Amino acid sequence: AGCLSCAMGAAEDPNVGCNPYKSPTFSFQCYVGKNETRCPADAGFTIACFGPAKAYNGAVAALANGGCGTCAAARTAASDAFELADCADCSKTLCNTSSAKVLVPFLAPLIAALFFL
């Protein structure tokens, strides 16, 4: 009948009905390519995603795909380094999409249709 606090250092025991303290966990999502990917937050519960800046048109996969973390951290981890000016950080879940990723798939068939008219 209810949840009880366990004695200090005690393990969870369903027979006693106590629940030991568990550190809170927090995660968020960023786009990696076109996929929503779960990212673990740091100790400060900071949300950080990165992706290509609006004007970026290069081919460095680590930047073009975007991901979890900051531009600086991604650049350090990337084997094919990119310029920080080509990268954009954001601090909301699923914030690292670029309008180009959305518009290109939509515009390509439209342009093709107009071409054949």
N, C-alpha and C. Protein backbone atom coordinates (compact mmCIF):
# COMPACT_ATOMS: atom_id res chain seq x y z
N ALA A 1 0.84 -1.15 0.00
CA ALA A 1 0.00 0.00 0.00
C ALA A 1 0.89 1.23 0.00
N GLY A 2 1.35 1.59 -1.18
CA GLY A 2 2.16 2.78 -1.30
C GLY A 2 3.63 2.48 -1.42
N CYS A 3 4.39 3.50 -1.67
CA CYS A 3 5.84 3.37 -1.82
C CYS A 3 6.50 3.89 -0.55
N LEU A 4 7.48 3.17 -0.11
CA LEU A 4 8.23 3.57 1.07
C LEU A 4 9.66 3.85 0.69
N SER A 5 10.30 4.69 1.43
CA SER A 5 11.73 4.91 1.21
C SER A 5 12.48 3.75 1.83
N CYS A 6 13.50 3.28 1.12
CA CYS A 6 14.33 2.19 1.64
C CYS A 6 15.29 2.76 2.68
N ALA A 7 15.75 1.89 3.54
CA ALA A 7 16.79 2.28 4.49
C ALA A 7 18.03 2.68 3.69
N MET A 8 18.82 3.60 4.20
CA MET A 8 20.01 4.08 3.53
C MET A 8 20.88 2.92 3.05
N GLY A 9 21.17 2.87 1.76
CA GLY A 9 22.04 1.84 1.20
C GLY A 9 21.33 0.52 0.90
N ALA A 10 20.07 0.42 1.20
CA ALA A 10 19.35 -0.84 0.95
C ALA A 10 19.01 -0.98 -0.52
N ALA A 11 18.97 -2.21 -0.99
CA ALA A 11 18.59 -2.49 -2.37
C ALA A 11 17.07 -2.53 -2.47
N GLU A 12 16.58 -2.41 -3.68
CA GLU A 12 15.14 -2.48 -3.90
C GLU A 12 14.64 -3.85 -3.50
N ASP A 13 13.55 -3.91 -2.78
CA ASP A 13 13.00 -5.18 -2.31
C ASP A 13 11.49 -5.14 -2.51
N PRO A 14 10.97 -5.89 -3.50
CA PRO A 14 9.53 -5.85 -3.76
C PRO A 14 8.71 -6.40 -2.59
N ASN A 15 9.31 -7.22 -1.75
CA ASN A 15 8.58 -7.76 -0.61
C ASN A 15 8.36 -6.71 0.48
N VAL A 16 9.25 -5.75 0.55
CA VAL A 16 9.15 -4.70 1.55
C VAL A 16 8.39 -3.51 0.98
N GLY A 17 8.46 -3.33 -0.32
CA GLY A 17 7.77 -2.23 -0.98
C GLY A 17 8.51 -0.91 -0.91
N CYS A 18 9.83 -0.99 -0.82
CA CYS A 18 10.58 0.26 -0.78
C CYS A 18 11.26 0.51 -2.12
N ASN A 19 11.48 1.74 -2.40
CA ASN A 19 12.11 2.15 -3.64
C ASN A 19 13.35 2.98 -3.32
N PRO A 20 14.54 2.47 -3.69
CA PRO A 20 15.75 3.25 -3.43
C PRO A 20 15.82 4.46 -4.35
N TYR A 21 16.58 5.45 -3.94
CA TYR A 21 16.76 6.65 -4.73
C TYR A 21 17.51 6.32 -6.02
N LYS A 22 17.04 6.85 -7.11
CA LYS A 22 17.74 6.73 -8.39
C LYS A 22 17.94 8.13 -8.93
N SER A 23 19.13 8.37 -9.40
CA SER A 23 19.43 9.68 -9.98
C SER A 23 18.50 9.93 -11.16
N PRO A 24 18.02 11.14 -11.29
CA PRO A 24 17.15 11.43 -12.43
C PRO A 24 17.92 11.32 -13.74
N THR A 25 17.25 10.83 -14.74
CA THR A 25 17.86 10.76 -16.06
C THR A 25 17.09 11.69 -16.99
N PHE A 26 17.78 12.24 -17.93
CA PHE A 26 17.18 13.18 -18.85
C PHE A 26 17.81 12.95 -20.21
N SER A 27 16.99 12.89 -21.20
CA SER A 27 17.52 12.77 -22.56
C SER A 27 16.68 13.66 -23.47
N PHE A 28 17.18 13.87 -24.65
CA PHE A 28 16.51 14.69 -25.64
C PHE A 28 16.80 14.08 -27.00
N GLN A 29 16.26 14.64 -28.05
CA GLN A 29 16.48 14.10 -29.39
C GLN A 29 17.05 15.16 -30.32
N CYS A 30 17.93 14.68 -31.21
CA CYS A 30 18.46 15.49 -32.30
C CYS A 30 18.33 14.67 -33.57
N TYR A 31 18.32 15.35 -34.70
CA TYR A 31 18.35 14.63 -35.96
C TYR A 31 19.79 14.25 -36.28
N VAL A 32 19.98 13.01 -36.68
CA VAL A 32 21.24 12.53 -37.24
C VAL A 32 20.87 12.00 -38.62
N GLY A 33 21.23 12.75 -39.65
CA GLY A 33 20.70 12.46 -40.97
C GLY A 33 19.21 12.81 -40.93
N LYS A 34 18.38 11.88 -41.33
CA LYS A 34 16.93 12.09 -41.29
C LYS A 34 16.28 11.40 -40.10
N ASN A 35 17.10 10.77 -39.25
CA ASN A 35 16.58 9.98 -38.13
C ASN A 35 16.59 10.76 -36.83
N GLU A 36 15.49 10.62 -36.07
CA GLU A 36 15.43 11.19 -34.74
C GLU A 36 16.25 10.28 -33.83
N THR A 37 17.22 10.83 -33.14
CA THR A 37 18.14 10.05 -32.33
C THR A 37 18.11 10.55 -30.89
N ARG A 38 18.01 9.61 -29.94
CA ARG A 38 18.00 9.97 -28.52
C ARG A 38 19.42 10.30 -28.07
N CYS A 39 19.57 11.41 -27.36
CA CYS A 39 20.87 11.88 -26.91
C CYS A 39 20.84 12.00 -25.39
N PRO A 40 21.89 11.55 -24.71
CA PRO A 40 21.93 11.72 -23.25
C PRO A 40 22.33 13.15 -22.90
N ALA A 41 21.68 13.71 -21.91
CA ALA A 41 22.03 15.06 -21.47
C ALA A 41 23.22 14.99 -20.52
N ASP A 42 23.94 16.08 -20.44
CA ASP A 42 25.06 16.12 -19.50
C ASP A 42 24.53 16.38 -18.09
N ALA A 43 25.40 16.49 -17.14
CA ALA A 43 25.01 16.66 -15.73
C ALA A 43 24.19 17.93 -15.51
N GLY A 44 24.36 18.91 -16.36
CA GLY A 44 23.61 20.16 -16.23
C GLY A 44 22.29 20.15 -16.99
N PHE A 45 21.91 18.99 -17.51
CA PHE A 45 20.67 18.83 -18.28
C PHE A 45 20.60 19.80 -19.45
N THR A 46 21.72 19.93 -20.15
CA THR A 46 21.81 20.84 -21.29
C THR A 46 21.44 20.13 -22.58
N ILE A 47 20.56 20.73 -23.36
CA ILE A 47 20.22 20.21 -24.68
C ILE A 47 21.15 20.87 -25.69
N ALA A 48 21.79 20.07 -26.52
CA ALA A 48 22.69 20.62 -27.54
C ALA A 48 22.65 19.74 -28.78
N CYS A 49 22.25 20.34 -29.89
CA CYS A 49 22.27 19.67 -31.20
C CYS A 49 23.09 20.56 -32.14
N PHE A 50 23.61 19.96 -33.19
CA PHE A 50 24.32 20.75 -34.20
C PHE A 50 23.92 20.27 -35.58
N GLY A 51 24.11 21.13 -36.54
CA GLY A 51 23.84 20.79 -37.93
C GLY A 51 24.51 21.81 -38.83
N PRO A 52 24.38 21.64 -40.12
CA PRO A 52 25.01 22.58 -41.04
C PRO A 52 24.35 23.95 -40.98
N ALA A 53 25.16 24.98 -41.12
CA ALA A 53 24.62 26.34 -41.20
C ALA A 53 23.80 26.47 -42.49
N LYS A 54 22.93 27.43 -42.55
CA LYS A 54 22.04 27.59 -43.71
C LYS A 54 22.81 27.70 -45.03
N ALA A 55 23.94 28.37 -45.01
CA ALA A 55 24.70 28.59 -46.24
C ALA A 55 25.65 27.44 -46.58
N TYR A 56 25.74 26.42 -45.73
CA TYR A 56 26.69 25.33 -45.97
C TYR A 56 26.24 24.46 -47.14
N ASN A 57 27.16 24.18 -48.06
CA ASN A 57 26.85 23.29 -49.19
C ASN A 57 27.98 22.30 -49.43
N GLY A 58 28.76 22.04 -48.40
CA GLY A 58 29.88 21.10 -48.51
C GLY A 58 29.44 19.66 -48.37
N ALA A 59 30.42 18.78 -48.31
CA ALA A 59 30.12 17.35 -48.30
C ALA A 59 30.72 16.63 -47.10
N VAL A 60 31.04 17.33 -46.02
CA VAL A 60 31.56 16.65 -44.83
C VAL A 60 30.38 15.98 -44.13
N ALA A 61 30.35 14.65 -44.15
CA ALA A 61 29.21 13.89 -43.64
C ALA A 61 28.93 14.19 -42.17
N ALA A 62 29.97 14.32 -41.37
CA ALA A 62 29.77 14.56 -39.93
C ALA A 62 28.99 15.86 -39.70
N LEU A 63 29.17 16.83 -40.54
CA LEU A 63 28.45 18.10 -40.42
C LEU A 63 27.10 18.03 -41.13
N ALA A 64 27.07 17.50 -42.33
CA ALA A 64 25.83 17.46 -43.11
C ALA A 64 24.74 16.65 -42.41
N ASN A 65 25.12 15.58 -41.70
CA ASN A 65 24.14 14.75 -41.01
C ASN A 65 23.67 15.36 -39.71
N GLY A 66 24.47 16.24 -39.10
CA GLY A 66 24.11 16.80 -37.81
C GLY A 66 24.21 15.76 -36.72
N GLY A 67 23.79 16.13 -35.51
CA GLY A 67 23.84 15.18 -34.42
C GLY A 67 23.71 15.80 -33.06
N CYS A 68 24.06 15.00 -32.06
CA CYS A 68 23.98 15.40 -30.66
C CYS A 68 25.26 16.15 -30.28
N GLY A 69 25.13 17.15 -29.43
CA GLY A 69 26.29 17.88 -28.94
C GLY A 69 26.48 19.19 -29.66
N THR A 70 27.63 19.78 -29.44
CA THR A 70 27.93 21.09 -30.01
C THR A 70 28.79 20.98 -31.27
N CYS A 71 28.84 22.04 -32.01
CA CYS A 71 29.70 22.09 -33.20
C CYS A 71 31.16 21.85 -32.83
N ALA A 72 31.60 22.48 -31.75
CA ALA A 72 33.00 22.35 -31.34
C ALA A 72 33.33 20.90 -31.02
N ALA A 73 32.46 20.22 -30.29
CA ALA A 73 32.70 18.81 -29.94
C ALA A 73 32.65 17.93 -31.19
N ALA A 74 31.73 18.21 -32.09
CA ALA A 74 31.62 17.41 -33.32
C ALA A 74 32.85 17.61 -34.20
N ARG A 75 33.33 18.83 -34.25
CA ARG A 75 34.52 19.11 -35.06
C ARG A 75 35.73 18.38 -34.51
N THR A 76 35.87 18.34 -33.19
CA THR A 76 36.97 17.63 -32.56
C THR A 76 36.90 16.13 -32.86
N ALA A 77 35.68 15.57 -32.86
CA ALA A 77 35.50 14.13 -33.06
C ALA A 77 35.54 13.73 -34.54
N ALA A 78 35.31 14.66 -35.45
CA ALA A 78 35.23 14.34 -36.88
C ALA A 78 36.61 14.05 -37.46
N SER A 79 36.69 12.98 -38.24
CA SER A 79 37.96 12.68 -38.90
C SER A 79 38.19 13.64 -40.07
N ASP A 80 37.13 14.11 -40.68
CA ASP A 80 37.20 15.07 -41.78
C ASP A 80 36.71 16.42 -41.22
N ALA A 81 37.62 17.20 -40.66
CA ALA A 81 37.26 18.42 -39.94
C ALA A 81 36.53 19.41 -40.85
N PHE A 82 35.73 20.24 -40.24
CA PHE A 82 34.99 21.27 -40.95
C PHE A 82 35.20 22.60 -40.24
N GLU A 83 34.86 23.68 -40.89
CA GLU A 83 34.98 25.01 -40.30
C GLU A 83 33.82 25.25 -39.35
N LEU A 84 34.09 25.82 -38.20
CA LEU A 84 33.02 26.10 -37.24
C LEU A 84 31.99 27.08 -37.81
N ALA A 85 32.40 27.95 -38.73
CA ALA A 85 31.47 28.89 -39.35
C ALA A 85 30.43 28.17 -40.21
N ASP A 86 30.73 26.93 -40.63
CA ASP A 86 29.79 26.16 -41.44
C ASP A 86 28.78 25.39 -40.59
N CYS A 87 28.89 25.50 -39.28
CA CYS A 87 28.09 24.70 -38.36
C CYS A 87 27.18 25.61 -37.54
N ALA A 88 26.02 25.09 -37.15
CA ALA A 88 25.08 25.84 -36.33
C ALA A 88 24.68 24.99 -35.12
N ASP A 89 24.79 25.58 -33.92
CA ASP A 89 24.34 24.93 -32.68
C ASP A 89 22.90 25.35 -32.41
N CYS A 90 22.17 24.50 -31.71
CA CYS A 90 20.84 24.87 -31.24
C CYS A 90 20.57 24.16 -29.92
N SER A 91 19.58 24.63 -29.18
CA SER A 91 19.39 24.13 -27.82
C SER A 91 17.96 23.71 -27.50
N LYS A 92 17.28 23.17 -28.50
CA LYS A 92 15.94 22.61 -28.29
C LYS A 92 15.91 21.22 -28.91
N THR A 93 15.05 20.37 -28.44
CA THR A 93 14.99 19.03 -28.98
C THR A 93 14.57 19.07 -30.46
N LEU A 94 15.20 18.26 -31.27
CA LEU A 94 14.95 18.15 -32.73
C LEU A 94 15.05 19.51 -33.43
N CYS A 95 15.99 20.32 -33.02
CA CYS A 95 16.13 21.67 -33.59
C CYS A 95 17.13 21.75 -34.73
N ASN A 96 17.83 20.68 -35.02
CA ASN A 96 18.94 20.77 -35.98
C ASN A 96 18.56 20.36 -37.39
N THR A 97 17.41 20.79 -37.84
CA THR A 97 17.04 20.57 -39.24
C THR A 97 17.32 21.85 -39.99
N SER A 98 17.62 21.71 -41.25
CA SER A 98 17.79 22.92 -42.07
C SER A 98 16.65 22.97 -43.06
N SER A 99 16.28 24.15 -43.46
CA SER A 99 15.19 24.29 -44.42
C SER A 99 15.56 23.65 -45.75
N ALA A 100 16.84 23.57 -46.05
CA ALA A 100 17.28 22.94 -47.30
C ALA A 100 16.93 21.46 -47.30
N LYS A 101 17.05 20.79 -46.17
CA LYS A 101 16.72 19.37 -46.09
C LYS A 101 15.24 19.14 -46.36
N VAL A 102 14.40 20.11 -46.00
CA VAL A 102 12.97 19.98 -46.20
C VAL A 102 12.58 20.39 -47.60
N LEU A 103 13.16 21.47 -48.13
CA LEU A 103 12.75 22.01 -49.41
C LEU A 103 13.28 21.22 -50.61
N VAL A 104 14.49 20.70 -50.55
CA VAL A 104 15.07 20.02 -51.71
C VAL A 104 14.23 18.82 -52.14
N PRO A 105 13.84 17.90 -51.23
CA PRO A 105 13.01 16.78 -51.67
C PRO A 105 11.67 17.22 -52.24
N PHE A 106 11.14 18.33 -51.76
CA PHE A 106 9.88 18.84 -52.26
C PHE A 106 10.04 19.52 -53.61
N LEU A 107 11.09 20.30 -53.76
CA LEU A 107 11.27 21.07 -54.98
C LEU A 107 11.77 20.25 -56.17
N ALA A 108 12.54 19.20 -55.94
CA ALA A 108 13.10 18.42 -57.04
C ALA A 108 12.02 17.86 -57.96
N PRO A 109 10.97 17.18 -57.46
CA PRO A 109 9.92 16.69 -58.37
C PRO A 109 9.15 17.83 -59.04
N LEU A 110 8.97 18.93 -58.33
CA LEU A 110 8.25 20.06 -58.90
C LEU A 110 9.03 20.65 -60.08
N ILE A 111 10.32 20.81 -59.91
CA ILE A 111 11.15 21.33 -61.00
C ILE A 111 11.17 20.36 -62.17
N ALA A 112 11.24 19.07 -61.89
CA ALA A 112 11.22 18.06 -62.96
C ALA A 112 9.91 18.12 -63.74
N ALA A 113 8.80 18.26 -63.02
CA ALA A 113 7.49 18.35 -63.69
C ALA A 113 7.41 19.58 -64.58
N LEU A 114 7.89 20.70 -64.09
CA LEU A 114 7.87 21.94 -64.87
C LEU A 114 8.76 21.84 -66.10
N PHE A 115 9.85 21.11 -65.99
CA PHE A 115 10.78 20.96 -67.08
C PHE A 115 10.13 20.24 -68.28
N PHE A 116 9.28 19.25 -67.98
CA PHE A 116 8.65 18.47 -69.03
C PHE A 116 7.36 19.07 -69.58
N LEU A 117 6.94 20.23 -69.10
CA LEU A 117 5.73 20.87 -69.61
C LEU A 117 5.94 21.54 -70.93
